[in-house]
Amino acid sequence: MTVSRLPSAALSLKQFLHRQNVLGIYRNILRTIRRVPDEADRKFLRDWAREEFHRNKNVTHEDAIRMMITQASNHLAELQKSLALAHS
C-alpha cells in the first residue's frame, strides 16, 4: 500500500484555487483602502475588511465561499468606483 506524503490537511485543488482567489481579493481591498484620503475612514475600512475576512476564514461550504467571493469582489469594485469618483 502506498502512503501519501501529503499532510492530512492538504487542500484540494478547488480549495487551493478558492484560497488564492480570496487572498487576492483581500490584498486588493487593502491596497485600495490605502488610497482613501481620510485616515479615520482608512482605519474604519481596514478594520472592517480584516474583521469580515477573519470572521469567515473557517467557512467550508463551497456555495457560501463562492457567494462571499462575489460579495467581496462587489465591495472592492464599489470602493474603487467611489475612489475614482472622488478623485475626478
PDB file of N, CA and C in Angstrom:
ATOM      1  N   MET A   1       0.848  -1.175   0.000  1.00  0.00           N
ATOM      2  CA  MET A   1       0.000   0.000   0.000  1.00  0.00           C
ATOM      3  C   MET A   1       0.896   1.242   0.000  1.00  0.00           C
ATOM      4  N   THR A   2       0.559   2.208  -0.836  1.00  0.00           N
ATOM      5  CA  THR A   2       1.315   3.446  -0.941  1.00  0.00           C
ATOM      6  C   THR A   2       0.810   4.447   0.085  1.00  0.00           C
ATOM      7  N   VAL A   3       1.748   5.074   0.768  1.00  0.00           N
ATOM      8  CA  VAL A   3       1.394   6.080   1.761  1.00  0.00           C
ATOM      9  C   VAL A   3       1.626   7.458   1.145  1.00  0.00           C
ATOM     10  N   SER A   4       0.636   8.311   1.250  1.00  0.00           N
ATOM     11  CA  SER A   4       0.742   9.668   0.697  1.00  0.00           C
ATOM     12  C   SER A   4       1.696  10.495   1.547  1.00  0.00           C
ATOM     13  N   ARG A   5       2.512  11.285   0.879  1.00  0.00           N
ATOM     14  CA  ARG A   5       3.412  12.186   1.608  1.00  0.00           C
ATOM     15  C   ARG A   5       2.753  13.525   1.909  1.00  0.00           C
ATOM     16  N   LEU A   6       1.552  13.723   1.404  1.00  0.00           N
ATOM     17  CA  LEU A   6       0.828  14.963   1.682  1.00  0.00           C
ATOM     18  C   LEU A   6       0.302  14.933   3.112  1.00  0.00           C
ATOM     19  N   PRO A   7       0.361  16.059   3.793  1.00  0.00           N
ATOM     20  CA  PRO A   7      -0.248  16.096   5.126  1.00  0.00           C
ATOM     21  C   PRO A   7      -1.751  15.891   5.023  1.00  0.00           C
ATOM     22  N   SER A   8      -2.369  15.381   6.061  1.00  0.00           N
ATOM     23  CA  SER A   8      -3.802  15.100   6.016  1.00  0.00           C
ATOM     24  C   SER A   8      -4.625  16.372   5.808  1.00  0.00           C
ATOM     25  N   ALA A   9      -4.057  17.516   6.133  1.00  0.00           N
ATOM     26  CA  ALA A   9      -4.776  18.787   5.992  1.00  0.00           C
ATOM     27  C   ALA A   9      -4.502  19.465   4.644  1.00  0.00           C
ATOM     28  N   ALA A  10      -3.931  18.746   3.695  1.00  0.00           N
ATOM     29  CA  ALA A  10      -3.642  19.346   2.395  1.00  0.00           C
ATOM     30  C   ALA A  10      -4.942  19.763   1.708  1.00  0.00           C
ATOM     31  N   LEU A  11      -4.901  20.894   1.013  1.00  0.00           N
ATOM     32  CA  LEU A  11      -6.082  21.416   0.326  1.00  0.00           C
ATOM     33  C   LEU A  11      -6.280  20.707  -1.006  1.00  0.00           C
ATOM     34  N   SER A  12      -7.532  20.537  -1.369  1.00  0.00           N
ATOM     35  CA  SER A  12      -7.826  20.040  -2.715  1.00  0.00           C
ATOM     36  C   SER A  12      -7.509  21.172  -3.692  1.00  0.00           C
ATOM     37  N   LEU A  13      -7.465  20.854  -4.972  1.00  0.00           N
ATOM     38  CA  LEU A  13      -7.192  21.884  -5.977  1.00  0.00           C
ATOM     39  C   LEU A  13      -8.239  22.991  -5.921  1.00  0.00           C
ATOM     40  N   LYS A  14      -9.508  22.607  -5.800  1.00  0.00           N
ATOM     41  CA  LYS A  14     -10.587  23.596  -5.747  1.00  0.00           C
ATOM     42  C   LYS A  14     -10.438  24.493  -4.526  1.00  0.00           C
ATOM     43  N   GLN A  15     -10.122  23.900  -3.367  1.00  0.00           N
ATOM     44  CA  GLN A  15      -9.924  24.689  -2.142  1.00  0.00           C
ATOM     45  C   GLN A  15      -8.736  25.632  -2.301  1.00  0.00           C
ATOM     46  N   PHE A  16      -7.663  25.116  -2.910  1.00  0.00           N
ATOM     47  CA  PHE A  16      -6.478  25.937  -3.124  1.00  0.00           C
ATOM     48  C   PHE A  16      -6.802  27.131  -4.014  1.00  0.00           C
ATOM     49  N   LEU A  17      -7.547  26.902  -5.087  1.00  0.00           N
ATOM     50  CA  LEU A  17      -7.900  27.991  -6.005  1.00  0.00           C
ATOM     51  C   LEU A  17      -8.805  29.014  -5.332  1.00  0.00           C
ATOM     52  N   HIS A  18      -9.777  28.541  -4.538  1.00  0.00           N
ATOM     53  CA  HIS A  18     -10.626  29.467  -3.789  1.00  0.00           C
ATOM     54  C   HIS A  18      -9.775  30.301  -2.827  1.00  0.00           C
ATOM     55  N   ARG A  19      -8.856  29.642  -2.147  1.00  0.00           N
ATOM     56  CA  ARG A  19      -7.993  30.340  -1.178  1.00  0.00           C
ATOM     57  C   ARG A  19      -7.170  31.422  -1.878  1.00  0.00           C
ATOM     58  N   GLN A  20      -6.591  31.083  -3.024  1.00  0.00           N
ATOM     59  CA  GLN A  20      -5.796  32.065  -3.772  1.00  0.00           C
ATOM     60  C   GLN A  20      -6.665  33.235  -4.219  1.00  0.00           C
ATOM     61  N   ASN A  21      -7.871  32.944  -4.650  1.00  0.00           N
ATOM     62  CA  ASN A  21      -8.797  33.983  -5.080  1.00  0.00           C
ATOM     63  C   ASN A  21      -9.148  34.903  -3.917  1.00  0.00           C
ATOM     64  N   VAL A  22      -9.462  34.317  -2.763  1.00  0.00           N
ATOM     65  CA  VAL A  22      -9.814  35.100  -1.579  1.00  0.00           C
ATOM     66  C   VAL A  22      -8.635  35.967  -1.136  1.00  0.00           C
ATOM     67  N   LEU A  23      -7.438  35.390  -1.103  1.00  0.00           N
ATOM     68  CA  LEU A  23      -6.257  36.168  -0.698  1.00  0.00           C
ATOM     69  C   LEU A  23      -5.998  37.323  -1.662  1.00  0.00           C
ATOM     70  N   GLY A  24      -6.202  37.083  -2.948  1.00  0.00           N
ATOM     71  CA  GLY A  24      -6.021  38.150  -3.936  1.00  0.00           C
ATOM     72  C   GLY A  24      -7.017  39.284  -3.739  1.00  0.00           C
ATOM     73  N   ILE A  25      -8.259  38.932  -3.490  1.00  0.00           N
ATOM     74  CA  ILE A  25      -9.284  39.957  -3.244  1.00  0.00           C
ATOM     75  C   ILE A  25      -8.950  40.727  -1.974  1.00  0.00           C
ATOM     76  N   TYR A  26      -8.540  40.010  -0.928  1.00  0.00           N
ATOM     77  CA  TYR A  26      -8.190  40.651   0.347  1.00  0.00           C
ATOM     78  C   TYR A  26      -7.047  41.653   0.144  1.00  0.00           C
ATOM     79  N   ARG A  27      -6.020  41.227  -0.563  1.00  0.00           N
ATOM     80  CA  ARG A  27      -4.880  42.126  -0.827  1.00  0.00           C
ATOM     81  C   ARG A  27      -5.318  43.343  -1.637  1.00  0.00           C
ATOM     82  N   ASN A  28      -6.152  43.122  -2.639  1.00  0.00           N
ATOM     83  CA  ASN A  28      -6.623  44.242  -3.461  1.00  0.00           C
ATOM     84  C   ASN A  28      -7.483  45.207  -2.653  1.00  0.00           C
ATOM     85  N   ILE A  29      -8.299  44.675  -1.764  1.00  0.00           N
ATOM     86  CA  ILE A  29      -9.103  45.543  -0.903  1.00  0.00           C
ATOM     87  C   ILE A  29      -8.186  46.394  -0.026  1.00  0.00           C
ATOM     88  N   LEU A  30      -7.182  45.770   0.594  1.00  0.00           N
ATOM     89  CA  LEU A  30      -6.265  46.537   1.456  1.00  0.00           C
ATOM     90  C   LEU A  30      -5.476  47.572   0.655  1.00  0.00           C
ATOM     91  N   ARG A  31      -5.060  47.211  -0.559  1.00  0.00           N
ATOM     92  CA  ARG A  31      -4.344  48.184  -1.411  1.00  0.00           C
ATOM     93  C   ARG A  31      -5.243  49.360  -1.775  1.00  0.00           C
ATOM     94  N   THR A  32      -6.489  49.050  -2.086  1.00  0.00           N
ATOM     95  CA  THR A  32      -7.435  50.097  -2.460  1.00  0.00           C
ATOM     96  C   THR A  32      -7.722  51.004  -1.265  1.00  0.00           C
ATOM     97  N   ILE A  33      -7.852  50.424  -0.093  1.00  0.00           N
ATOM     98  CA  ILE A  33      -8.114  51.206   1.126  1.00  0.00           C
ATOM     99  C   ILE A  33      -6.978  52.189   1.392  1.00  0.00           C
ATOM    100  N   ARG A  34      -5.759  51.818   1.028  1.00  0.00           N
ATOM    101  CA  ARG A  34      -4.624  52.743   1.224  1.00  0.00           C
ATOM    102  C   ARG A  34      -4.786  54.035   0.441  1.00  0.00           C
ATOM    103  N   ARG A  35      -5.619  54.022  -0.593  1.00  0.00           N
ATOM    104  CA  ARG A  35      -5.844  55.218  -1.406  1.00  0.00           C
ATOM    105  C   ARG A  35      -6.920  56.133  -0.832  1.00  0.00           C
ATOM    106  N   VAL A  36      -7.607  55.706   0.220  1.00  0.00           N
ATOM    107  CA  VAL A  36      -8.646  56.528   0.852  1.00  0.00           C
ATOM    108  C   VAL A  36      -7.943  57.708   1.533  1.00  0.00           C
ATOM    109  N   PRO A  37      -8.350  58.939   1.238  1.00  0.00           N
ATOM    110  CA  PRO A  37      -7.617  60.107   1.742  1.00  0.00           C
ATOM    111  C   PRO A  37      -7.729  60.326   3.261  1.00  0.00           C
ATOM    112  N   ASP A  38      -8.854  60.050   3.849  1.00  0.00           N
ATOM    113  CA  ASP A  38      -9.059  60.339   5.266  1.00  0.00           C
ATOM    114  C   ASP A  38      -8.568  59.175   6.132  1.00  0.00           C
ATOM    115  N   GLU A  39      -7.701  59.478   7.099  1.00  0.00           N
ATOM    116  CA  GLU A  39      -7.111  58.454   7.959  1.00  0.00           C
ATOM    117  C   GLU A  39      -8.164  57.689   8.750  1.00  0.00           C
ATOM    118  N   ALA A  40      -9.151  58.383   9.290  1.00  0.00           N
ATOM    119  CA  ALA A  40     -10.200  57.716  10.072  1.00  0.00           C
ATOM    120  C   ALA A  40     -10.999  56.753   9.191  1.00  0.00           C
ATOM    121  N   ASP A  41     -11.310  57.183   7.969  1.00  0.00           N
ATOM    122  CA  ASP A  41     -12.029  56.301   7.037  1.00  0.00           C
ATOM    123  C   ASP A  41     -11.177  55.093   6.668  1.00  0.00           C
ATOM    124  N   ARG A  42      -9.871  55.327   6.442  1.00  0.00           N
ATOM    125  CA  ARG A  42      -8.963  54.221   6.128  1.00  0.00           C
ATOM    126  C   ARG A  42      -8.953  53.199   7.252  1.00  0.00           C
ATOM    127  N   LYS A  43      -8.840  53.681   8.488  1.00  0.00           N
ATOM    128  CA  LYS A  43      -8.805  52.772   9.638  1.00  0.00           C
ATOM    129  C   LYS A  43     -10.112  52.001   9.751  1.00  0.00           C
ATOM    130  N   PHE A  44     -11.244  52.679   9.593  1.00  0.00           N
ATOM    131  CA  PHE A  44     -12.540  52.023   9.671  1.00  0.00           C
ATOM    132  C   PHE A  44     -12.649  50.917   8.615  1.00  0.00           C
ATOM    133  N   LEU A  45     -12.289  51.242   7.369  1.00  0.00           N
ATOM    134  CA  LEU A  45     -12.394  50.275   6.278  1.00  0.00           C
ATOM    135  C   LEU A  45     -11.426  49.112   6.457  1.00  0.00           C
ATOM    136  N   ARG A  46     -10.208  49.404   6.906  1.00  0.00           N
ATOM    137  CA  ARG A  46      -9.215  48.355   7.136  1.00  0.00           C
ATOM    138  C   ARG A  46      -9.698  47.395   8.225  1.00  0.00           C
ATOM    139  N   ASP A  47     -10.198  47.960   9.336  1.00  0.00           N
ATOM    140  CA  ASP A  47     -10.721  47.128  10.427  1.00  0.00           C
ATOM    141  C   ASP A  47     -11.917  46.301   9.963  1.00  0.00           C
ATOM    142  N   TRP A  48     -12.801  46.925   9.170  1.00  0.00           N
ATOM    143  CA  TRP A  48     -13.963  46.212   8.646  1.00  0.00           C
ATOM    144  C   TRP A  48     -13.524  45.033   7.774  1.00  0.00           C
ATOM    145  N   ALA A  49     -12.601  45.280   6.853  1.00  0.00           N
ATOM    146  CA  ALA A  49     -12.151  44.219   5.945  1.00  0.00           C
ATOM    147  C   ALA A  49     -11.506  43.080   6.728  1.00  0.00           C
ATOM    148  N   ARG A  50     -10.620  43.421   7.638  1.00  0.00           N
ATOM    149  CA  ARG A  50      -9.951  42.382   8.429  1.00  0.00           C
ATOM    150  C   ARG A  50     -10.950  41.559   9.222  1.00  0.00           C
ATOM    151  N   GLU A  51     -11.917  42.220   9.847  1.00  0.00           N
ATOM    152  CA  GLU A  51     -12.925  41.524  10.638  1.00  0.00           C
ATOM    153  C   GLU A  51     -13.772  40.597   9.773  1.00  0.00           C
ATOM    154  N   GLU A  52     -14.203  41.086   8.608  1.00  0.00           N
ATOM    155  CA  GLU A  52     -15.033  40.259   7.717  1.00  0.00           C
ATOM    156  C   GLU A  52     -14.285  39.011   7.261  1.00  0.00           C
ATOM    157  N   PHE A  53     -13.048  39.187   6.823  1.00  0.00           N
ATOM    158  CA  PHE A  53     -12.289  38.036   6.346  1.00  0.00           C
ATOM    159  C   PHE A  53     -11.951  37.093   7.498  1.00  0.00           C
ATOM    160  N   HIS A  54     -11.607  37.636   8.652  1.00  0.00           N
ATOM    161  CA  HIS A  54     -11.288  36.809   9.818  1.00  0.00           C
ATOM    162  C   HIS A  54     -12.525  36.023  10.269  1.00  0.00           C
ATOM    163  N   ARG A  55     -13.664  36.671  10.274  1.00  0.00           N
ATOM    164  CA  ARG A  55     -14.897  36.039  10.729  1.00  0.00           C
ATOM    165  C   ARG A  55     -15.292  34.862   9.829  1.00  0.00           C
ATOM    166  N   ASN A  56     -14.949  34.943   8.571  1.00  0.00           N
ATOM    167  CA  ASN A  56     -15.362  33.912   7.614  1.00  0.00           C
ATOM    168  C   ASN A  56     -14.247  32.945   7.212  1.00  0.00           C
ATOM    169  N   LYS A  57     -13.109  32.996   7.894  1.00  0.00           N
ATOM    170  CA  LYS A  57     -11.968  32.191   7.451  1.00  0.00           C
ATOM    171  C   LYS A  57     -12.172  30.688   7.593  1.00  0.00           C
ATOM    172  N   ASN A  58     -13.086  30.257   8.446  1.00  0.00           N
ATOM    173  CA  ASN A  58     -13.291  28.821   8.652  1.00  0.00           C
ATOM    174  C   ASN A  58     -14.501  28.264   7.894  1.00  0.00           C
ATOM    175  N   VAL A  59     -15.084  29.068   7.020  1.00  0.00           N
ATOM    176  CA  VAL A  59     -16.223  28.601   6.228  1.00  0.00           C
ATOM    177  C   VAL A  59     -15.724  27.546   5.242  1.00  0.00           C
ATOM    178  N   THR A  60     -16.440  26.426   5.156  1.00  0.00           N
ATOM    179  CA  THR A  60     -16.017  25.341   4.265  1.00  0.00           C
ATOM    180  C   THR A  60     -17.050  25.006   3.193  1.00  0.00           C
ATOM    181  N   HIS A  61     -18.272  25.472   3.336  1.00  0.00           N
ATOM    182  CA  HIS A  61     -19.318  25.163   2.360  1.00  0.00           C
ATOM    183  C   HIS A  61     -19.025  25.915   1.060  1.00  0.00           C
ATOM    184  N   GLU A  62     -18.907  25.168  -0.014  1.00  0.00           N
ATOM    185  CA  GLU A  62     -18.462  25.739  -1.282  1.00  0.00           C
ATOM    186  C   GLU A  62     -19.381  26.844  -1.817  1.00  0.00           C
ATOM    187  N   ASP A  63     -20.691  26.653  -1.713  1.00  0.00           N
ATOM    188  CA  ASP A  63     -21.620  27.689  -2.191  1.00  0.00           C
ATOM    189  C   ASP A  63     -21.479  28.968  -1.380  1.00  0.00           C
ATOM    190  N   ALA A  64     -21.301  28.830  -0.080  1.00  0.00           N
ATOM    191  CA  ALA A  64     -21.119  30.004   0.777  1.00  0.00           C
ATOM    192  C   ALA A  64     -19.825  30.726   0.418  1.00  0.00           C
ATOM    193  N   ILE A  65     -18.780  29.977   0.146  1.00  0.00           N
ATOM    194  CA  ILE A  65     -17.495  30.579  -0.223  1.00  0.00           C
ATOM    195  C   ILE A  65     -17.630  31.348  -1.529  1.00  0.00           C
ATOM    196  N   ARG A  66     -18.290  30.735  -2.513  1.00  0.00           N
ATOM    197  CA  ARG A  66     -18.485  31.425  -3.801  1.00  0.00           C
ATOM    198  C   ARG A  66     -19.296  32.706  -3.623  1.00  0.00           C
ATOM    199  N   MET A  67     -20.333  32.643  -2.783  1.00  0.00           N
ATOM    200  CA  MET A  67     -21.159  33.821  -2.539  1.00  0.00           C
ATOM    201  C   MET A  67     -20.325  34.931  -1.878  1.00  0.00           C
ATOM    202  N   MET A  68     -19.496  34.549  -0.909  1.00  0.00           N
ATOM    203  CA  MET A  68     -18.673  35.556  -0.224  1.00  0.00           C
ATOM    204  C   MET A  68     -17.611  36.134  -1.152  1.00  0.00           C
ATOM    205  N   ILE A  69     -17.068  35.320  -2.047  1.00  0.00           N
ATOM    206  CA  ILE A  69     -16.095  35.828  -3.028  1.00  0.00           C
ATOM    207  C   ILE A  69     -16.774  36.860  -3.925  1.00  0.00           C
ATOM    208  N   THR A  70     -17.992  36.562  -4.362  1.00  0.00           N
ATOM    209  CA  THR A  70     -18.744  37.502  -5.199  1.00  0.00           C
ATOM    210  C   THR A  70     -19.019  38.798  -4.443  1.00  0.00           C
ATOM    211  N   GLN A  71     -19.457  38.681  -3.184  1.00  0.00           N
ATOM    212  CA  GLN A  71     -19.732  39.876  -2.373  1.00  0.00           C
ATOM    213  C   GLN A  71     -18.478  40.711  -2.176  1.00  0.00           C
ATOM    214  N   ALA A  72     -17.357  40.048  -1.866  1.00  0.00           N
ATOM    215  CA  ALA A  72     -16.103  40.772  -1.652  1.00  0.00           C
ATOM    216  C   ALA A  72     -15.667  41.472  -2.936  1.00  0.00           C
ATOM    217  N   SER A  73     -15.817  40.806  -4.068  1.00  0.00           N
ATOM    218  CA  SER A  73     -15.464  41.423  -5.362  1.00  0.00           C
ATOM    219  C   SER A  73     -16.338  42.641  -5.630  1.00  0.00           C
ATOM    220  N   ASN A  74     -17.622  42.541  -5.287  1.00  0.00           N
ATOM    221  CA  ASN A  74     -18.533  43.675  -5.469  1.00  0.00           C
ATOM    222  C   ASN A  74     -18.158  44.836  -4.553  1.00  0.00           C
ATOM    223  N   HIS A  75     -17.812  44.535  -3.300  1.00  0.00           N
ATOM    224  CA  HIS A  75     -17.378  45.591  -2.374  1.00  0.00           C
ATOM    225  C   HIS A  75     -16.115  46.272  -2.894  1.00  0.00           C
ATOM    226  N   LEU A  76     -15.182  45.478  -3.408  1.00  0.00           N
ATOM    227  CA  LEU A  76     -13.946  46.034  -3.959  1.00  0.00           C
ATOM    228  C   LEU A  76     -14.254  46.954  -5.140  1.00  0.00           C
ATOM    229  N   ALA A  77     -15.104  46.503  -6.044  1.00  0.00           N
ATOM    230  CA  ALA A  77     -15.459  47.320  -7.213  1.00  0.00           C
ATOM    231  C   ALA A  77     -16.139  48.616  -6.787  1.00  0.00           C
ATOM    232  N   GLU A  78     -17.032  48.536  -5.787  1.00  0.00           N
ATOM    233  CA  GLU A  78     -17.696  49.740  -5.282  1.00  0.00           C
ATOM    234  C   GLU A  78     -16.698  50.726  -4.688  1.00  0.00           C
ATOM    235  N   LEU A  79     -15.782  50.204  -3.900  1.00  0.00           N
ATOM    236  CA  LEU A  79     -14.773  51.066  -3.268  1.00  0.00           C
ATOM    237  C   LEU A  79     -13.905  51.730  -4.333  1.00  0.00           C
ATOM    238  N   GLN A  80     -13.483  50.957  -5.324  1.00  0.00           N
ATOM    239  CA  GLN A  80     -12.654  51.521  -6.396  1.00  0.00           C
ATOM    240  C   GLN A  80     -13.419  52.579  -7.182  1.00  0.00           C
ATOM    241  N   LYS A  81     -14.701  52.333  -7.435  1.00  0.00           N
ATOM    242  CA  LYS A  81     -15.527  53.300  -8.161  1.00  0.00           C
ATOM    243  C   LYS A  81     -15.699  54.579  -7.344  1.00  0.00           C
ATOM    244  N   SER A  82     -15.938  54.441  -6.049  1.00  0.00           N
ATOM    245  CA  SER A  82     -16.098  55.605  -5.174  1.00  0.00           C
ATOM    246  C   SER A  82     -14.825  56.442  -5.141  1.00  0.00           C
ATOM    247  N   LEU A  83     -13.679  55.767  -5.063  1.00  0.00           N
ATOM    248  CA  LEU A  83     -12.409  56.499  -5.050  1.00  0.00           C
ATOM    249  C   LEU A  83     -12.161  57.193  -6.381  1.00  0.00           C
ATOM    250  N   ALA A  84     -12.517  56.550  -7.464  1.00  0.00           N
ATOM    251  CA  ALA A  84     -12.335  57.164  -8.788  1.00  0.00           C
ATOM    252  C   ALA A  84     -13.204  58.393  -8.934  1.00  0.00           C
ATOM    253  N   LEU A  85     -14.443  58.336  -8.432  1.00  0.00           N
ATOM    254  CA  LEU A  85     -15.337  59.491  -8.486  1.00  0.00           C
ATOM    255  C   LEU A  85     -14.846  60.616  -7.598  1.00  0.00           C
ATOM    256  N   ALA A  86     -14.302  60.257  -6.444  1.00  0.00           N
ATOM    257  CA  ALA A  86     -13.823  61.259  -5.504  1.00  0.00           C
ATOM    258  C   ALA A  86     -12.593  61.997  -6.023  1.00  0.00           C
ATOM    259  N   HIS A  87     -11.799  61.317  -6.850  1.00  0.00           N
ATOM    260  CA  HIS A  87     -10.577  61.926  -7.367  1.00  0.00           C
ATOM    261  C   HIS A  87     -10.771  62.621  -8.708  1.00  0.00           C
ATOM    262  N   SER A  88     -11.985  62.574  -9.250  1.00  0.00           N
ATOM    263  CA  SER A  88     -12.176  63.235 -10.544  1.00  0.00           C
ATOM    264  C   SER A  88     -12.812  64.574 -10.402  1.00  0.00           C
TER     265      SER A  88
END
